[in-house]
Amino acid sequence: MNECKQLKHRDKSKPNRKINKPRALTATAPNQIYTWDITYLPTQVKGIFLYLYLVLDIYSRKIVGWQIHHEELSVLAADLMTDICNKEKVEKNQVTLHSDNGSPMKGATMLATLQELGVVPSFSRPSVSNDNPYSESVFRTLKYRPEYPEKPFADIGVAIDWVKCFVQWYKHEHRHSGIKFITPVERHTGKDIEILVARTLVYKKAKLENPNR
């Protein structure tokens, strides 16, 4: 049958197509690769949500920018990225911004703004749910904090105040397991090198004092 070319796809359904794995990107310093996504925050009106836009540096795990809005729009995401690039002093072609394939991520305004800023866009593969793990991880941390409200947010002001406190804790106090239990700000500013050297000396000293432990 193969010789007679009888093994071709003949069903009405579309044949399986091969999706090539994207080129792996590696961050070796802050402000090289950002990842961003939008998550829902419940309100007291059933079916109506607030939307948290959040951008994370995957090297340092620092939240470099966030905003809360009443809707998902490409223009709002573009404004957020402009603020981040100004605040972090990002130069053209310095940062790659990764996201999933949502409409705000691929909107014309967002893509035009990224091109103007010199930020390289990167997208998850279609129908692949685990291509944006860093954003999903920080959203899980946010929503599983003991302080996360059990009841929906009363209004956008209350939501902004709560997320502001979370971001402050996450950046300056959270000992992140993915970066050797130092804070994202310490990693982002390069203070982690000195801290980890001092920690190693403490471990060595403790081992010498009690080698049987």
C-alpha atoms as a PDB file:
ATOM      1  CA  MET A   1       0.000   0.000   0.000  1.00  0.00           C
ATOM      2  CA  ASN A   2       2.866   2.325   0.726  1.00  0.00           C
ATOM      3  CA  GLU A   3       4.415   1.643  -2.682  1.00  0.00           C
ATOM      4  CA  CYS A   4       1.072   2.434  -4.305  1.00  0.00           C
ATOM      5  CA  LYS A   5       0.700   5.584  -2.213  1.00  0.00           C
ATOM      6  CA  GLN A   6      -2.450   4.304  -0.523  1.00  0.00           C
ATOM      7  CA  LEU A   7      -1.436   5.351   3.022  1.00  0.00           C
ATOM      8  CA  LYS A   8      -2.207   9.042   2.672  1.00  0.00           C
ATOM      9  CA  HIS A   9      -4.593  10.813   5.032  1.00  0.00           C
ATOM     10  CA  ARG A  10      -8.099  10.397   3.587  1.00  0.00           C
ATOM     11  CA  ASP A  11     -10.403  11.337   6.481  1.00  0.00           C
ATOM     12  CA  LYS A  12     -12.459  14.538   6.560  1.00  0.00           C
ATOM     13  CA  SER A  13     -10.646  15.601   9.739  1.00  0.00           C
ATOM     14  CA  LYS A  14      -7.428  17.545   9.375  1.00  0.00           C
ATOM     15  CA  PRO A  15      -4.237  15.466   9.601  1.00  0.00           C
ATOM     16  CA  ASN A  16      -1.986  15.828  12.603  1.00  0.00           C
ATOM     17  CA  ARG A  17       0.562  18.524  12.037  1.00  0.00           C
ATOM     18  CA  LYS A  18       4.011  18.676  13.540  1.00  0.00           C
ATOM     19  CA  ILE A  19       4.684  21.675  15.779  1.00  0.00           C
ATOM     20  CA  ASN A  20       8.370  22.430  15.971  1.00  0.00           C
ATOM     21  CA  LYS A  21       9.744  23.173  19.403  1.00  0.00           C
ATOM     22  CA  PRO A  22      10.812  26.819  19.633  1.00  0.00           C
ATOM     23  CA  ARG A  23      14.411  27.848  20.150  1.00  0.00           C
ATOM     24  CA  ALA A  24      15.235  27.788  23.847  1.00  0.00           C
ATOM     25  CA  LEU A  25      15.966  31.193  25.376  1.00  0.00           C
ATOM     26  CA  THR A  26      18.281  31.495  28.372  1.00  0.00           C
ATOM     27  CA  ALA A  27      18.621  34.505  30.638  1.00  0.00           C
ATOM     28  CA  THR A  28      22.065  35.072  32.159  1.00  0.00           C
ATOM     29  CA  ALA A  29      21.327  38.485  33.708  1.00  0.00           C
ATOM     30  CA  PRO A  30      18.384  40.706  34.626  1.00  0.00           C
ATOM     31  CA  ASN A  31      16.377  42.523  31.942  1.00  0.00           C
ATOM     32  CA  GLN A  32      17.040  39.949  29.230  1.00  0.00           C
ATOM     33  CA  ILE A  33      13.840  37.883  29.168  1.00  0.00           C
ATOM     34  CA  TYR A  34      10.481  38.957  30.543  1.00  0.00           C
ATOM     35  CA  THR A  35       7.330  36.868  30.697  1.00  0.00           C
ATOM     36  CA  TRP A  36       3.831  38.220  31.138  1.00  0.00           C
ATOM     37  CA  ASP A  37       0.242  37.145  31.394  1.00  0.00           C
ATOM     38  CA  ILE A  38      -3.172  38.254  32.627  1.00  0.00           C
ATOM     39  CA  THR A  39      -5.135  36.620  35.440  1.00  0.00           C
ATOM     40  CA  TYR A  40      -8.703  37.108  36.616  1.00  0.00           C
ATOM     41  CA  LEU A  41      -9.537  38.648  39.992  1.00  0.00           C
ATOM     42  CA  PRO A  42     -13.145  38.043  41.105  1.00  0.00           C
ATOM     43  CA  THR A  43     -15.495  40.900  41.972  1.00  0.00           C
ATOM     44  CA  GLN A  44     -18.705  40.926  44.002  1.00  0.00           C
ATOM     45  CA  VAL A  45     -20.722  40.870  40.771  1.00  0.00           C
ATOM     46  CA  LYS A  46     -20.980  37.304  39.494  1.00  0.00           C
ATOM     47  CA  GLY A  47     -19.418  36.900  36.061  1.00  0.00           C
ATOM     48  CA  ILE A  48     -17.547  40.219  36.155  1.00  0.00           C
ATOM     49  CA  PHE A  49     -13.809  40.187  36.803  1.00  0.00           C
ATOM     50  CA  LEU A  50     -10.862  42.509  37.181  1.00  0.00           C
ATOM     51  CA  TYR A  51      -7.759  41.734  35.151  1.00  0.00           C
ATOM     52  CA  LEU A  52      -4.256  41.738  36.601  1.00  0.00           C
ATOM     53  CA  TYR A  53      -1.529  42.378  34.019  1.00  0.00           C
ATOM     54  CA  LEU A  54       1.832  41.215  35.417  1.00  0.00           C
ATOM     55  CA  VAL A  55       5.333  41.156  33.900  1.00  0.00           C
ATOM     56  CA  LEU A  56       8.092  39.021  35.461  1.00  0.00           C
ATOM     57  CA  ASP A  57      11.850  38.914  34.863  1.00  0.00           C
ATOM     58  CA  ILE A  58      12.626  35.194  34.543  1.00  0.00           C
ATOM     59  CA  TYR A  59      16.268  35.568  35.657  1.00  0.00           C
ATOM     60  CA  SER A  60      15.623  37.359  38.924  1.00  0.00           C
ATOM     61  CA  ARG A  61      11.886  36.488  39.329  1.00  0.00           C
ATOM     62  CA  LYS A  62      11.349  40.180  40.067  1.00  0.00           C
ATOM     63  CA  ILE A  63       7.939  41.585  39.194  1.00  0.00           C
ATOM     64  CA  VAL A  64       9.033  44.461  36.975  1.00  0.00           C
ATOM     65  CA  GLY A  65       5.559  45.822  36.372  1.00  0.00           C
ATOM     66  CA  TRP A  66       1.858  45.257  36.936  1.00  0.00           C
ATOM     67  CA  GLN A  67      -1.500  46.959  36.493  1.00  0.00           C
ATOM     68  CA  ILE A  68      -5.151  46.114  37.164  1.00  0.00           C
ATOM     69  CA  HIS A  69      -7.892  47.002  34.681  1.00  0.00           C
ATOM     70  CA  HIS A  70     -11.556  46.310  34.037  1.00  0.00           C
ATOM     71  CA  GLU A  71     -10.879  44.717  30.649  1.00  0.00           C
ATOM     72  CA  GLU A  72      -8.301  42.884  28.547  1.00  0.00           C
ATOM     73  CA  LEU A  73      -6.964  45.202  25.863  1.00  0.00           C
ATOM     74  CA  SER A  74      -3.803  45.270  23.798  1.00  0.00           C
ATOM     75  CA  VAL A  75      -3.448  49.019  24.283  1.00  0.00           C
ATOM     76  CA  LEU A  76      -3.367  48.622  28.083  1.00  0.00           C
ATOM     77  CA  ALA A  77      -0.631  45.992  27.833  1.00  0.00           C
ATOM     78  CA  ALA A  78       1.306  48.309  25.515  1.00  0.00           C
ATOM     79  CA  ASP A  79       1.126  51.139  28.068  1.00  0.00           C
ATOM     80  CA  LEU A  80       2.401  48.801  30.785  1.00  0.00           C
ATOM     81  CA  MET A  81       5.389  47.702  28.692  1.00  0.00           C
ATOM     82  CA  THR A  82       6.247  51.317  27.880  1.00  0.00           C
ATOM     83  CA  ASP A  83       6.299  52.156  31.601  1.00  0.00           C
ATOM     84  CA  ILE A  84       8.473  49.125  32.373  1.00  0.00           C
ATOM     85  CA  CYS A  85      11.013  49.906  29.667  1.00  0.00           C
ATOM     86  CA  ASN A  86      11.307  53.487  30.931  1.00  0.00           C
ATOM     87  CA  LYS A  87      11.626  52.414  34.562  1.00  0.00           C
ATOM     88  CA  GLU A  88      14.135  49.617  33.906  1.00  0.00           C
ATOM     89  CA  LYS A  89      16.029  51.709  31.306  1.00  0.00           C
ATOM     90  CA  VAL A  90      15.679  48.950  28.717  1.00  0.00           C
ATOM     91  CA  GLU A  91      17.555  49.560  25.479  1.00  0.00           C
ATOM     92  CA  LYS A  92      16.466  48.421  22.033  1.00  0.00           C
ATOM     93  CA  ASN A  93      16.914  44.696  21.322  1.00  0.00           C
ATOM     94  CA  GLN A  94      17.849  44.075  24.956  1.00  0.00           C
ATOM     95  CA  VAL A  95      14.706  42.290  26.142  1.00  0.00           C
ATOM     96  CA  THR A  96      12.665  39.383  24.826  1.00  0.00           C
ATOM     97  CA  LEU A  97       9.048  39.372  26.034  1.00  0.00           C
ATOM     98  CA  HIS A  98       7.387  35.947  26.222  1.00  0.00           C
ATOM     99  CA  SER A  99       3.654  35.344  26.484  1.00  0.00           C
ATOM    100  CA  ASP A 100       0.894  32.982  25.426  1.00  0.00           C
ATOM    101  CA  ASN A 101      -1.250  33.516  22.338  1.00  0.00           C
ATOM    102  CA  GLY A 102      -4.038  35.611  23.855  1.00  0.00           C
ATOM    103  CA  SER A 103      -5.552  38.489  21.900  1.00  0.00           C
ATOM    104  CA  PRO A 104      -4.015  41.223  24.138  1.00  0.00           C
ATOM    105  CA  MET A 105      -0.599  39.626  23.583  1.00  0.00           C
ATOM    106  CA  LYS A 106      -0.916  39.542  19.804  1.00  0.00           C
ATOM    107  CA  GLY A 107      -2.948  42.727  19.337  1.00  0.00           C
ATOM    108  CA  ALA A 108      -1.753  45.200  16.728  1.00  0.00           C
ATOM    109  CA  THR A 109      -1.190  47.981  19.267  1.00  0.00           C
ATOM    110  CA  MET A 110       0.906  45.743  21.499  1.00  0.00           C
ATOM    111  CA  LEU A 111       3.058  44.431  18.646  1.00  0.00           C
ATOM    112  CA  ALA A 112       3.569  47.923  17.234  1.00  0.00           C
ATOM    113  CA  THR A 113       4.615  49.213  20.666  1.00  0.00           C
ATOM    114  CA  LEU A 114       7.074  46.347  21.142  1.00  0.00           C
ATOM    115  CA  GLN A 115       8.606  47.102  17.764  1.00  0.00           C
ATOM    116  CA  GLU A 116       8.929  50.779  18.676  1.00  0.00           C
ATOM    117  CA  LEU A 117      10.510  49.911  22.034  1.00  0.00           C
ATOM    118  CA  GLY A 118      12.871  47.392  20.451  1.00  0.00           C
ATOM    119  CA  VAL A 119      11.426  44.512  22.522  1.00  0.00           C
ATOM    120  CA  VAL A 120      11.463  41.114  20.798  1.00  0.00           C
ATOM    121  CA  PRO A 121       8.139  39.223  21.136  1.00  0.00           C
ATOM    122  CA  SER A 122       8.073  35.495  21.881  1.00  0.00           C
ATOM    123  CA  PHE A 123       4.948  33.318  21.988  1.00  0.00           C
ATOM    124  CA  SER A 124       3.960  29.920  23.292  1.00  0.00           C
ATOM    125  CA  ARG A 125       3.286  27.125  20.845  1.00  0.00           C
ATOM    126  CA  PRO A 126      -0.386  26.674  19.870  1.00  0.00           C
ATOM    127  CA  SER A 127      -2.304  24.334  22.183  1.00  0.00           C
ATOM    128  CA  VAL A 128       0.698  23.886  24.487  1.00  0.00           C
ATOM    129  CA  SER A 129      -0.269  24.784  28.042  1.00  0.00           C
ATOM    130  CA  ASN A 130       3.138  24.701  29.751  1.00  0.00           C
ATOM    131  CA  ASP A 131       5.149  27.129  27.603  1.00  0.00           C
ATOM    132  CA  ASN A 132       4.630  30.016  30.030  1.00  0.00           C
ATOM    133  CA  PRO A 133       5.369  28.433  33.431  1.00  0.00           C
ATOM    134  CA  TYR A 134       6.897  31.433  35.207  1.00  0.00           C
ATOM    135  CA  SER A 135       3.784  33.572  34.884  1.00  0.00           C
ATOM    136  CA  GLU A 136       1.532  30.693  35.939  1.00  0.00           C
ATOM    137  CA  SER A 137       3.769  30.071  38.956  1.00  0.00           C
ATOM    138  CA  VAL A 138       3.651  33.642  40.242  1.00  0.00           C
ATOM    139  CA  PHE A 139      -0.135  33.725  39.816  1.00  0.00           C
ATOM    140  CA  ARG A 140      -0.424  30.538  41.852  1.00  0.00           C
ATOM    141  CA  THR A 141       1.778  32.043  44.562  1.00  0.00           C
ATOM    142  CA  LEU A 142      -0.435  35.134  44.565  1.00  0.00           C
ATOM    143  CA  LYS A 143      -3.738  33.284  44.825  1.00  0.00           C
ATOM    144  CA  TYR A 144      -2.554  30.753  47.425  1.00  0.00           C
ATOM    145  CA  ARG A 145      -1.115  33.273  49.872  1.00  0.00           C
ATOM    146  CA  PRO A 146      -2.765  33.018  53.314  1.00  0.00           C
ATOM    147  CA  GLU A 147      -3.653  36.706  53.005  1.00  0.00           C
ATOM    148  CA  TYR A 148      -5.508  36.263  49.718  1.00  0.00           C
ATOM    149  CA  PRO A 149      -9.098  37.403  50.330  1.00  0.00           C
ATOM    150  CA  GLU A 150     -11.655  34.651  50.749  1.00  0.00           C
ATOM    151  CA  LYS A 151     -14.356  36.970  49.421  1.00  0.00           C
ATOM    152  CA  PRO A 152     -14.278  38.761  46.024  1.00  0.00           C
ATOM    153  CA  PHE A 153     -12.767  42.225  45.779  1.00  0.00           C
ATOM    154  CA  ALA A 154     -15.226  45.043  46.481  1.00  0.00           C
ATOM    155  CA  ASP A 155     -13.778  47.312  43.796  1.00  0.00           C
ATOM    156  CA  ILE A 156     -10.641  47.954  41.766  1.00  0.00           C
ATOM    157  CA  GLY A 157      -9.125  50.150  44.492  1.00  0.00           C
ATOM    158  CA  VAL A 158      -9.259  47.320  47.026  1.00  0.00           C
ATOM    159  CA  ALA A 159      -7.695  44.945  44.490  1.00  0.00           C
ATOM    160  CA  ILE A 160      -4.885  47.398  43.708  1.00  0.00           C
ATOM    161  CA  ASP A 161      -4.087  47.838  47.407  1.00  0.00           C
ATOM    162  CA  TRP A 162      -3.930  44.075  47.982  1.00  0.00           C
ATOM    163  CA  VAL A 163      -1.751  43.358  44.931  1.00  0.00           C
ATOM    164  CA  LYS A 164       0.546  46.254  45.876  1.00  0.00           C
ATOM    165  CA  CYS A 165       1.189  44.618  49.264  1.00  0.00           C
ATOM    166  CA  PHE A 166       1.727  41.225  47.619  1.00  0.00           C
ATOM    167  CA  VAL A 167       4.239  42.618  45.111  1.00  0.00           C
ATOM    168  CA  GLN A 168       6.142  44.380  47.908  1.00  0.00           C
ATOM    169  CA  TRP A 169       6.370  41.108  49.853  1.00  0.00           C
ATOM    170  CA  TYR A 170       7.234  39.050  46.768  1.00  0.00           C
ATOM    171  CA  LYS A 171      10.079  41.291  45.644  1.00  0.00           C
ATOM    172  CA  HIS A 172      11.670  42.165  48.992  1.00  0.00           C
ATOM    173  CA  GLU A 173      10.816  39.359  51.446  1.00  0.00           C
ATOM    174  CA  HIS A 174       9.970  36.170  49.540  1.00  0.00           C
ATOM    175  CA  ARG A 175      12.871  33.679  49.649  1.00  0.00           C
ATOM    176  CA  HIS A 176      12.320  32.156  46.221  1.00  0.00           C
ATOM    177  CA  SER A 177      13.132  28.460  45.888  1.00  0.00           C
ATOM    178  CA  GLY A 178      13.925  28.873  42.180  1.00  0.00           C
ATOM    179  CA  ILE A 179      16.810  31.287  42.871  1.00  0.00           C
ATOM    180  CA  LYS A 180      18.466  29.583  45.867  1.00  0.00           C
ATOM    181  CA  PHE A 181      16.184  31.115  48.487  1.00  0.00           C
ATOM    182  CA  ILE A 182      17.115  34.744  48.035  1.00  0.00           C
ATOM    183  CA  THR A 183      14.712  37.556  47.228  1.00  0.00           C
ATOM    184  CA  PRO A 184      14.018  38.652  43.641  1.00  0.00           C
ATOM    185  CA  VAL A 185      15.331  42.171  44.326  1.00  0.00           C
ATOM    186  CA  GLU A 186      18.613  40.780  45.696  1.00  0.00           C
ATOM    187  CA  ARG A 187      18.970  38.708  42.528  1.00  0.00           C
ATOM    188  CA  HIS A 188      17.977  41.580  40.254  1.00  0.00           C
ATOM    189  CA  THR A 189      20.482  44.006  41.785  1.00  0.00           C
ATOM    190  CA  GLY A 190      23.365  41.508  41.947  1.00  0.00           C
ATOM    191  CA  LYS A 191      23.476  41.379  45.749  1.00  0.00           C
ATOM    192  CA  ASP A 192      22.851  37.633  45.593  1.00  0.00           C
ATOM    193  CA  ILE A 193      26.506  36.913  44.767  1.00  0.00           C
ATOM    194  CA  GLU A 194      27.788  38.294  48.068  1.00  0.00           C
ATOM    195  CA  ILE A 195      24.924  36.720  50.006  1.00  0.00           C
ATOM    196  CA  LEU A 196      25.519  33.245  48.556  1.00  0.00           C
ATOM    197  CA  VAL A 197      29.277  33.434  49.206  1.00  0.00           C
ATOM    198  CA  ALA A 198      28.609  34.335  52.849  1.00  0.00           C
ATOM    199  CA  ARG A 199      26.055  31.535  53.111  1.00  0.00           C
ATOM    200  CA  THR A 200      28.564  29.001  51.780  1.00  0.00           C
ATOM    201  CA  LEU A 201      31.080  30.075  54.435  1.00  0.00           C
ATOM    202  CA  VAL A 202      28.448  29.586  57.127  1.00  0.00           C
ATOM    203  CA  TYR A 203      27.756  26.071  55.840  1.00  0.00           C
ATOM    204  CA  LYS A 204      31.449  25.195  55.772  1.00  0.00           C
ATOM    205  CA  LYS A 205      31.955  26.510  59.282  1.00  0.00           C
ATOM    206  CA  ALA A 206      28.990  24.524  60.586  1.00  0.00           C
ATOM    207  CA  LYS A 207      30.304  21.364  58.905  1.00  0.00           C
ATOM    208  CA  LEU A 208      33.769  21.791  60.502  1.00  0.00           C
ATOM    209  CA  GLU A 209      32.224  22.292  63.932  1.00  0.00           C
ATOM    210  CA  ASN A 210      30.077  19.171  63.595  1.00  0.00           C
ATOM    211  CA  PRO A 211      31.431  16.904  60.805  1.00  0.00           C
ATOM    212  CA  ASN A 212      29.317  13.933  61.917  1.00  0.00           C
ATOM    213  CA  ARG A 213      26.040  15.748  61.445  1.00  0.00           C
END
